[in-house]
Amino acid sequence: MNSRKSKGRIRVLGVGLVTAVISFTMTGVAENTMQGMAGDFSGQKILSDMAGISASLAMPVSSVTYYRQDIGTSSQSNSDNPSDSPEEPSVTISQAESTVSVQSQPEQKESGPLVAVDAPVQHSTRLISLNIRKDTNDLSAYTEKDGEIINKHYGKITGTGAVDLDYGQLRNCTALSESLILTEGMKKPELSIELSNEPQVLIIHTHTTESYEQDNDGYYDTRFDGRSLCPANSVVGVGAALAQTLADNGICVIHDGTVFDDPLYENSYSRSRERIEQILSEYPSIKVVLDIHRDGIADGDARIAPVVETDSGTAAQIMIICGCDDGSGILPDYMDNLRFAIYLQQGIERDTPGLTRPLLFDYRFYNQDLTAGSLVIEIGALGNSREQALRSARLAGDSIASLLKTL
């Protein structure tokens, strides 16, 4: 994940203000190096200052129209007819779209959660979208072609830490032996996924503004720092594609677009933790939490786009990240997450060879103590185009849905 910093101006159209903020191109791995390593936490201490941090953020508030989505009986969608949407009466409420406190949830009345009409079109009653921003394309000014993008496929690694799986690989950055990983980690996850109308999966984005290139012409505008509040440009749009694919395959999923890394990047994981805990409390049926990011890879001034050629076109490679307990007890059930990570790694790689980079298993935290199926997934990198990342999300989504159905 990227550790470059740059300043940019982000236009927030929802409130008509232009605010100069500092955006960082660092992603989860870089932030974890500074604040999220397991060793930075003492024993069972659980981030007691989250509420104060959350309350200090100033986020835009606007009037948003919602329609009421009743979680009904149909598990399949008609993806060829995007105009299909519930013909329910709409209601307008005032919402702080990006706050991370309890008040950030849309007000619920009567029968079901409220879903923003500007969220990705709902083809299935098994998809619940929350806190999707309405910002329009804020990258239109970045038209210069003064930076180079290099496509690169990341294949198998060799040397210390390389663990070959039946499909794909694992990069072991822990003191655990390869034999233990292959013996215990290869066991089937003990997660019970129900094909019901109760949410089973939560998709969220700790580094919400991580964004992609607008196209794949091999160049980038060096003024673009890789951050955007527009969901269509960022990991939120990619997460929406993943969520829709899961829903189309019968998996009930919540996709939350709450912004955690703007205007303040530091302590993003503390704020996303607070939000995840809130959603898990409201939807205790959730078994899996996927925190979707994009990586940031560079070679000097050139940005690297990890890619693979698939039957459906060029796709961005993905990387699953699983944390390991360092002996402090902060991730006591890390083996559950590792089994789930290996399960997904092998299934995705089996279905689409080369789509995955080696699974990263390291002493990291990333809020993965909250469920036995909590993982970080990097979909592409800063050099990838939105089209490549969306293709990967759909390919991985089909595989993940099939894998979840067999648990």
Protein backbone atom coordinates (compact mmCIF):
# COMPACT_ATOMS: atom_id res chain seq x y z
CA MET A 1 0.00 0.00 0.00
CA ASN A 2 1.17 3.50 -0.83
CA SER A 3 3.09 5.78 1.55
CA ARG A 4 3.28 8.90 -0.61
CA LYS A 5 1.80 12.11 0.70
CA SER A 6 0.48 15.01 -1.32
CA LYS A 7 -1.81 17.94 -0.90
CA GLY A 8 -4.88 18.33 -2.97
CA ARG A 9 -8.07 20.27 -3.04
CA ILE A 10 -11.23 18.25 -2.84
CA ARG A 11 -14.48 19.83 -3.96
CA VAL A 12 -17.44 18.88 -1.80
CA LEU A 13 -20.47 19.65 -3.99
CA GLY A 14 -23.06 18.46 -1.43
CA VAL A 15 -22.60 21.59 0.69
CA GLY A 16 -21.20 24.01 -1.90
CA LEU A 17 -17.90 24.54 -0.07
CA VAL A 18 -14.36 24.18 -1.34
CA THR A 19 -12.05 23.13 1.45
CA ALA A 20 -8.30 22.65 1.32
CA VAL A 21 -7.49 19.36 2.99
CA ILE A 22 -4.48 17.12 3.19
CA SER A 23 -4.88 13.81 1.41
CA PHE A 24 -2.51 10.92 1.84
CA THR A 25 -1.92 8.19 -0.70
CA MET A 26 -0.93 5.84 2.07
CA THR A 27 -3.21 2.83 2.38
CA GLY A 28 -3.81 0.30 5.12
CA VAL A 29 -0.39 -1.36 5.20
CA ALA A 30 1.40 2.00 5.50
CA GLU A 31 -0.93 3.30 8.19
CA ASN A 32 -0.64 0.02 10.05
CA THR A 33 3.13 0.41 10.11
CA MET A 34 2.66 3.60 12.10
CA GLN A 35 -0.39 2.89 14.22
CA GLY A 36 -1.99 -0.48 13.51
CA MET A 37 0.70 -3.02 14.27
CA ALA A 38 -0.41 -5.40 16.95
CA GLY A 39 2.53 -4.40 19.12
CA ASP A 40 1.13 -0.88 19.38
CA PHE A 41 -1.79 -2.21 21.40
CA SER A 42 -1.37 -3.36 24.97
CA GLY A 43 -3.05 -6.63 25.92
CA GLN A 44 -6.80 -6.47 25.50
CA LYS A 45 -6.99 -2.69 25.31
CA ILE A 46 -9.62 -1.80 22.70
CA LEU A 47 -9.10 1.70 21.38
CA SER A 48 -10.95 3.53 24.12
CA ASP A 49 -10.53 6.94 22.52
CA MET A 50 -12.52 6.16 19.36
CA ALA A 51 -15.59 8.14 20.34
CA GLY A 52 -13.61 11.29 20.97
CA ILE A 53 -11.82 11.00 17.65
CA SER A 54 -15.07 10.44 15.85
CA ALA A 55 -16.74 13.42 17.46
CA SER A 56 -13.91 15.71 16.37
CA LEU A 57 -14.56 15.22 12.65
CA ALA A 58 -16.51 17.80 10.71
CA MET A 59 -18.35 16.06 7.87
CA PRO A 60 -20.77 17.46 5.28
CA VAL A 61 -24.49 17.25 5.92
CA SER A 62 -27.07 17.39 3.18
CA SER A 63 -30.66 16.49 2.45
CA VAL A 64 -30.80 13.08 0.79
CA THR A 65 -33.75 11.24 -0.71
CA TYR A 66 -34.14 7.61 0.25
CA TYR A 67 -36.46 4.86 -0.83
CA ARG A 68 -37.50 2.15 1.49
CA GLN A 69 -36.06 -1.22 0.60
CA ASP A 70 -37.92 -4.17 2.01
CA ILE A 71 -35.70 -7.25 2.27
CA GLY A 72 -37.94 -9.53 0.30
CA THR A 73 -37.86 -13.02 -1.12
CA SER A 74 -36.10 -12.74 -4.46
CA SER A 75 -32.45 -13.79 -4.36
CA GLN A 76 -31.61 -13.22 -8.02
CA SER A 77 -31.34 -9.98 -9.93
CA ASN A 78 -31.91 -8.99 -13.50
CA SER A 79 -28.59 -7.34 -14.31
CA ASP A 80 -29.68 -6.73 -17.89
CA ASN A 81 -32.40 -4.35 -16.76
CA PRO A 82 -30.81 -1.65 -14.58
CA SER A 83 -33.97 0.43 -14.66
CA ASP A 84 -35.73 -2.01 -12.36
CA SER A 85 -35.97 -0.45 -8.93
CA PRO A 86 -38.51 -0.51 -6.10
CA GLU A 87 -41.48 1.72 -6.84
CA GLU A 88 -41.86 2.71 -3.22
CA PRO A 89 -42.79 6.18 -2.02
CA SER A 90 -39.66 8.19 -1.27
CA VAL A 91 -39.01 10.14 1.88
CA THR A 92 -36.52 12.97 2.35
CA ILE A 93 -34.55 13.16 5.55
CA SER A 94 -31.49 15.09 6.65
CA GLN A 95 -28.43 12.91 7.02
CA ALA A 96 -24.79 13.37 7.93
CA GLU A 97 -23.62 11.12 5.11
CA SER A 98 -20.06 10.59 6.26
CA THR A 99 -20.14 10.76 10.04
CA VAL A 100 -19.00 7.74 11.95
CA SER A 101 -21.02 8.20 15.11
CA VAL A 102 -24.22 6.38 15.88
CA GLN A 103 -26.16 9.22 14.29
CA SER A 104 -24.61 8.43 10.89
CA GLN A 105 -27.14 5.69 10.20
CA PRO A 106 -30.20 6.69 8.18
CA GLU A 107 -33.32 6.93 10.31
CA GLN A 108 -35.30 3.71 10.21
CA LYS A 109 -39.07 3.69 10.30
CA GLU A 110 -41.58 0.93 9.99
CA SER A 111 -40.44 -1.98 7.81
CA GLY A 112 -36.86 -1.73 6.58
CA PRO A 113 -33.59 0.14 6.18
CA LEU A 114 -33.54 3.25 4.05
CA VAL A 115 -31.28 3.20 1.01
CA ALA A 116 -29.98 6.28 -0.80
CA VAL A 117 -31.46 6.56 -4.28
CA ASP A 118 -28.12 7.80 -5.58
CA ALA A 119 -26.47 4.56 -4.48
CA PRO A 120 -25.73 1.95 -7.16
CA VAL A 121 -28.99 0.68 -8.68
CA GLN A 122 -30.51 -2.04 -6.55
CA HIS A 123 -31.18 -5.15 -8.66
CA SER A 124 -31.68 -7.39 -5.67
CA THR A 125 -33.47 -7.07 -2.37
CA ARG A 126 -30.42 -8.73 -0.82
CA LEU A 127 -28.26 -5.60 -1.19
CA ILE A 128 -28.43 -2.81 1.38
CA SER A 129 -26.39 0.32 0.56
CA LEU A 130 -25.70 2.82 3.35
CA ASN A 131 -24.00 6.23 3.38
CA ILE A 132 -23.06 6.37 -0.30
CA ARG A 133 -22.00 9.94 -1.06
CA LYS A 134 -23.45 12.00 -3.90
CA ASP A 135 -20.25 13.73 -5.02
CA THR A 136 -19.86 13.94 -8.80
CA ASN A 137 -16.70 13.30 -10.81
CA ASP A 138 -13.94 15.37 -9.22
CA LEU A 139 -11.14 14.08 -11.49
CA SER A 140 -12.18 15.84 -14.70
CA ALA A 141 -9.44 18.46 -14.29
CA TYR A 142 -6.65 15.87 -14.31
CA THR A 143 -6.00 15.66 -18.06
CA GLU A 144 -2.21 15.95 -18.23
CA LYS A 145 -0.23 12.90 -19.37
CA ASP A 146 3.07 13.70 -17.64
CA GLY A 147 3.43 10.49 -15.61
CA GLU A 148 3.95 6.91 -16.78
CA ILE A 149 1.93 3.86 -15.74
CA ILE A 150 3.53 0.43 -16.15
CA ASN A 151 1.42 -2.71 -16.30
CA LYS A 152 2.95 -5.60 -14.39
CA HIS A 153 1.78 -9.09 -13.55
CA TYR A 154 2.83 -10.35 -10.13
CA GLY A 155 3.36 -14.10 -10.30
CA LYS A 156 4.72 -16.59 -7.82
CA ILE A 157 7.32 -15.51 -5.29
CA THR A 158 10.34 -17.48 -4.15
CA GLY A 159 12.53 -17.55 -1.09
CA THR A 160 11.84 -17.23 2.62
CA GLY A 161 8.15 -16.94 3.43
CA ALA A 162 6.82 -18.28 0.14
CA VAL A 163 4.18 -20.91 0.88
CA ASP A 164 2.67 -22.75 -2.08
CA LEU A 165 -1.03 -23.58 -1.82
CA ASP A 166 -3.03 -25.88 -4.06
CA TYR A 167 -3.98 -22.70 -5.92
CA GLY A 168 -1.92 -19.56 -5.54
CA GLN A 169 0.49 -18.68 -2.76
CA LEU A 170 0.82 -17.21 0.71
CA ARG A 171 3.57 -14.81 1.79
CA ASN A 172 4.36 -15.70 5.39
CA CYS A 173 5.82 -12.75 7.30
CA THR A 174 5.30 -14.35 10.72
CA ALA A 175 7.28 -16.75 12.89
CA LEU A 176 4.73 -19.51 12.29
CA SER A 177 6.11 -22.47 10.44
CA GLU A 178 5.04 -23.38 6.93
CA SER A 179 3.93 -26.80 8.17
CA LEU A 180 1.63 -25.23 10.78
CA ILE A 181 0.13 -22.89 8.21
CA LEU A 182 -0.51 -25.76 5.80
CA THR A 183 -1.85 -28.06 8.53
CA GLU A 184 -4.09 -25.66 10.45
CA GLY A 185 -4.66 -22.89 7.94
CA MET A 186 -5.89 -25.23 5.22
CA LYS A 187 -8.78 -26.47 7.33
CA LYS A 188 -12.22 -25.40 6.17
CA PRO A 189 -13.47 -22.22 7.88
CA GLU A 190 -16.08 -22.73 10.55
CA LEU A 191 -18.43 -20.07 9.22
CA SER A 192 -22.09 -20.83 8.65
CA ILE A 193 -23.42 -18.67 5.82
CA GLU A 194 -27.18 -18.65 5.40
CA LEU A 195 -28.89 -17.98 2.08
CA SER A 196 -31.55 -15.90 3.73
CA ASN A 197 -32.75 -12.32 3.83
CA GLU A 198 -30.54 -11.58 6.83
CA PRO A 199 -27.23 -9.84 5.98
CA GLN A 200 -24.26 -12.21 6.01
CA VAL A 201 -21.53 -9.94 4.61
CA LEU A 202 -20.46 -6.36 5.34
CA ILE A 203 -18.35 -4.48 2.80
CA ILE A 204 -16.70 -1.35 4.12
CA HIS A 205 -13.76 0.91 3.20
CA THR A 206 -11.42 2.18 5.92
CA HIS A 207 -9.51 4.24 3.36
CA THR A 208 -12.63 5.33 1.58
CA THR A 209 -11.14 7.90 -0.79
CA GLU A 210 -8.55 5.60 -2.38
CA SER A 211 -9.09 6.03 -6.10
CA TYR A 212 -8.11 4.76 -9.54
CA GLU A 213 -7.06 6.16 -12.89
CA GLN A 214 -9.85 7.23 -15.22
CA ASP A 215 -8.51 5.13 -18.08
CA ASN A 216 -5.73 2.69 -18.94
CA ASP A 217 -3.82 4.65 -21.59
CA GLY A 218 -0.46 4.20 -19.83
CA TYR A 219 -0.19 7.72 -18.39
CA TYR A 220 -1.32 9.70 -15.37
CA ASP A 221 -1.54 13.32 -14.31
CA THR A 222 1.15 13.87 -11.68
CA ARG A 223 -1.13 16.34 -9.89
CA PHE A 224 -3.57 13.51 -9.10
CA ASP A 225 -2.79 12.20 -5.63
CA GLY A 226 -5.01 9.14 -5.87
CA ARG A 227 -7.85 10.39 -3.65
CA SER A 228 -11.46 11.12 -4.50
CA LEU A 229 -14.70 11.64 -2.61
CA CYS A 230 -16.69 10.60 -5.69
CA PRO A 231 -17.79 6.95 -5.26
CA ALA A 232 -17.57 6.34 -9.01
CA ASN A 233 -13.83 7.06 -8.89
CA SER A 234 -12.94 5.32 -5.64
CA VAL A 235 -12.91 1.97 -3.91
CA VAL A 236 -16.53 2.65 -2.94
CA GLY A 237 -17.61 2.11 -6.55
CA VAL A 238 -15.54 -1.07 -6.71
CA GLY A 239 -17.06 -2.22 -3.43
CA ALA A 240 -20.49 -1.56 -4.89
CA ALA A 241 -19.70 -3.85 -7.82
CA LEU A 242 -18.52 -6.57 -5.44
CA ALA A 243 -21.60 -6.16 -3.25
CA GLN A 244 -23.94 -6.30 -6.24
CA THR A 245 -22.25 -9.46 -7.51
CA LEU A 246 -22.68 -11.16 -4.14
CA ALA A 247 -26.33 -10.10 -4.02
CA ASP A 248 -26.91 -11.33 -7.57
CA ASN A 249 -25.63 -14.69 -6.40
CA GLY A 250 -28.01 -14.85 -3.45
CA ILE A 251 -25.76 -13.53 -0.65
CA CYS A 252 -27.39 -10.83 1.47
CA VAL A 253 -24.86 -8.03 1.87
CA ILE A 254 -24.54 -4.56 3.39
CA HIS A 255 -22.30 -2.05 1.58
CA ASP A 256 -21.37 0.95 3.71
CA GLY A 257 -19.72 4.01 2.14
CA THR A 258 -19.03 5.99 5.31
CA VAL A 259 -15.87 8.09 4.84
CA PHE A 260 -13.16 7.45 7.43
CA ASP A 261 -10.00 8.96 5.89
CA ASP A 262 -11.10 12.49 4.97
CA PRO A 263 -10.52 15.18 6.10
CA LEU A 264 -8.36 13.32 8.65
CA TYR A 265 -6.37 10.25 7.54
CA GLU A 266 -4.76 9.35 10.84
CA ASN A 267 -6.69 6.85 12.99
CA SER A 268 -8.91 5.78 10.08
CA TYR A 269 -8.98 2.25 11.47
CA SER A 270 -10.22 3.51 14.84
CA ARG A 271 -13.15 5.21 13.15
CA SER A 272 -13.97 2.29 10.87
CA ARG A 273 -13.86 -0.02 13.89
CA GLU A 274 -16.51 2.06 15.60
CA ARG A 275 -18.72 1.88 12.52
CA ILE A 276 -18.22 -1.88 12.04
CA GLU A 277 -19.11 -2.52 15.67
CA GLN A 278 -22.27 -0.45 15.25
CA ILE A 279 -23.35 -2.37 12.15
CA LEU A 280 -22.56 -5.74 13.74
CA SER A 281 -24.68 -4.73 16.71
CA GLU A 282 -27.60 -3.81 14.45
CA TYR A 283 -27.13 -6.82 12.15
CA PRO A 284 -25.79 -9.69 14.30
CA SER A 285 -26.33 -12.12 11.40
CA ILE A 286 -23.18 -10.76 9.65
CA LYS A 287 -20.37 -13.34 9.58
CA VAL A 288 -17.95 -11.75 7.09
CA VAL A 289 -16.43 -8.25 7.01
CA LEU A 290 -14.47 -7.33 3.87
CA ASP A 291 -12.52 -4.06 4.08
CA ILE A 292 -11.90 -3.14 0.43
CA HIS A 293 -8.84 -1.03 -0.43
CA ARG A 294 -6.58 -0.43 -3.40
CA ASP A 295 -2.80 -0.71 -3.21
CA GLY A 296 -0.25 1.93 -4.19
CA ILE A 297 2.77 0.58 -6.06
CA ALA A 298 5.44 2.73 -7.70
CA ASP A 299 8.85 2.39 -9.32
CA GLY A 300 10.39 5.82 -8.98
CA ASP A 301 7.96 8.24 -10.63
CA ALA A 302 6.22 5.47 -12.57
CA ARG A 303 3.06 4.02 -11.08
CA ILE A 304 2.63 0.25 -11.32
CA ALA A 305 -0.67 -1.35 -12.27
CA PRO A 306 -0.82 -5.04 -11.23
CA VAL A 307 -2.80 -6.75 -14.00
CA VAL A 308 -3.85 -10.13 -15.35
CA GLU A 309 -5.41 -11.02 -18.67
CA THR A 310 -8.74 -12.81 -18.24
CA ASP A 311 -11.42 -14.11 -20.59
CA SER A 312 -13.38 -10.90 -19.94
CA GLY A 313 -10.42 -8.54 -20.44
CA THR A 314 -7.59 -7.00 -18.44
CA ALA A 315 -8.29 -7.10 -14.71
CA ALA A 316 -6.51 -5.64 -11.70
CA GLN A 317 -4.81 -8.22 -9.52
CA ILE A 318 -6.04 -8.47 -5.94
CA MET A 319 -4.27 -9.18 -2.66
CA ILE A 320 -5.86 -10.57 0.51
CA ILE A 321 -4.30 -9.47 3.82
CA CYS A 322 -4.71 -11.44 7.05
CA GLY A 323 -3.34 -10.41 10.43
CA CYS A 324 -1.59 -12.66 12.94
CA ASP A 325 -1.40 -12.32 16.72
CA ASP A 326 2.06 -11.35 17.94
CA GLY A 327 1.67 -12.94 21.34
CA SER A 328 -0.06 -9.99 22.96
CA GLY A 329 -3.49 -11.57 22.57
CA ILE A 330 -4.94 -8.80 20.42
CA LEU A 331 -5.91 -11.32 17.69
CA PRO A 332 -6.47 -14.49 19.71
CA ASP A 333 -8.54 -16.17 17.00
CA TYR A 334 -6.34 -15.20 14.07
CA MET A 335 -6.30 -18.79 12.81
CA ASP A 336 -10.02 -18.52 12.00
CA ASN A 337 -9.34 -15.52 9.78
CA LEU A 338 -6.35 -17.26 8.20
CA ARG A 339 -8.47 -20.28 7.27
CA PHE A 340 -11.02 -18.00 5.69
CA ALA A 341 -8.30 -16.04 3.87
CA ILE A 342 -6.72 -19.20 2.44
CA TYR A 343 -10.16 -20.50 1.52
CA LEU A 344 -10.88 -17.35 -0.51
CA GLN A 345 -7.35 -17.18 -1.94
CA GLN A 346 -7.55 -20.70 -3.32
CA GLY A 347 -11.09 -20.38 -4.65
CA ILE A 348 -10.50 -17.09 -6.46
CA GLU A 349 -7.20 -18.29 -7.93
CA ARG A 350 -8.74 -21.57 -9.03
CA ASP A 351 -11.55 -19.79 -10.85
CA THR A 352 -9.38 -17.07 -12.42
CA PRO A 353 -5.70 -18.07 -12.53
CA GLY A 354 -3.40 -15.12 -11.91
CA LEU A 355 -6.07 -12.83 -10.45
CA THR A 356 -4.52 -13.01 -6.99
CA ARG A 357 -1.18 -11.84 -5.72
CA PRO A 358 0.23 -13.93 -2.84
CA LEU A 359 -1.90 -13.70 0.30
CA LEU A 360 -0.10 -11.51 2.86
CA PHE A 361 0.02 -13.06 6.35
CA ASP A 362 1.72 -10.68 8.78
CA TYR A 363 1.60 -9.15 12.25
CA ARG A 364 -1.12 -6.65 11.50
CA PHE A 365 -4.36 -5.72 13.20
CA TYR A 366 -6.91 -4.15 10.84
CA ASN A 367 -9.86 -4.78 13.19
CA GLN A 368 -9.77 -8.46 12.30
CA ASP A 369 -10.73 -9.48 15.82
CA LEU A 370 -14.35 -8.44 15.20
CA THR A 371 -15.43 -11.55 13.26
CA ALA A 372 -13.89 -14.88 12.23
CA GLY A 373 -14.24 -13.73 8.63
CA SER A 374 -12.67 -10.26 8.72
CA LEU A 375 -10.14 -9.54 5.97
CA VAL A 376 -8.58 -6.68 4.03
CA ILE A 377 -8.69 -7.07 0.26
CA GLU A 378 -6.63 -4.84 -2.01
CA ILE A 379 -8.33 -4.63 -5.42
CA GLY A 380 -5.73 -3.29 -7.82
CA ALA A 381 -3.48 -0.32 -7.19
CA LEU A 382 -3.36 3.41 -7.88
CA GLY A 383 -2.08 2.75 -11.41
CA ASN A 384 -5.04 0.57 -12.36
CA SER A 385 -8.03 1.99 -14.19
CA ARG A 386 -11.51 1.91 -12.76
CA GLU A 387 -12.55 -0.51 -15.48
CA GLN A 388 -9.82 -2.98 -14.51
CA ALA A 389 -10.74 -2.77 -10.82
CA LEU A 390 -14.45 -3.20 -11.49
CA ARG A 391 -13.74 -6.28 -13.61
CA SER A 392 -11.74 -7.77 -10.75
CA ALA A 393 -14.47 -7.04 -8.24
CA ARG A 394 -17.01 -8.91 -10.33
CA LEU A 395 -14.72 -11.88 -10.98
CA ALA A 396 -13.76 -12.14 -7.32
CA GLY A 397 -17.39 -11.59 -6.30
CA ASP A 398 -18.59 -14.59 -8.31
CA SER A 399 -15.92 -16.76 -6.71
CA ILE A 400 -16.54 -15.49 -3.18
CA ALA A 401 -20.28 -16.05 -3.52
CA SER A 402 -19.74 -19.66 -4.61
CA LEU A 403 -17.30 -20.20 -1.77
CA LEU A 404 -19.64 -18.76 0.84
CA LYS A 405 -22.46 -21.02 -0.32
CA THR A 406 -20.39 -24.08 0.50
CA LEU A 407 -19.71 -23.04 4.11
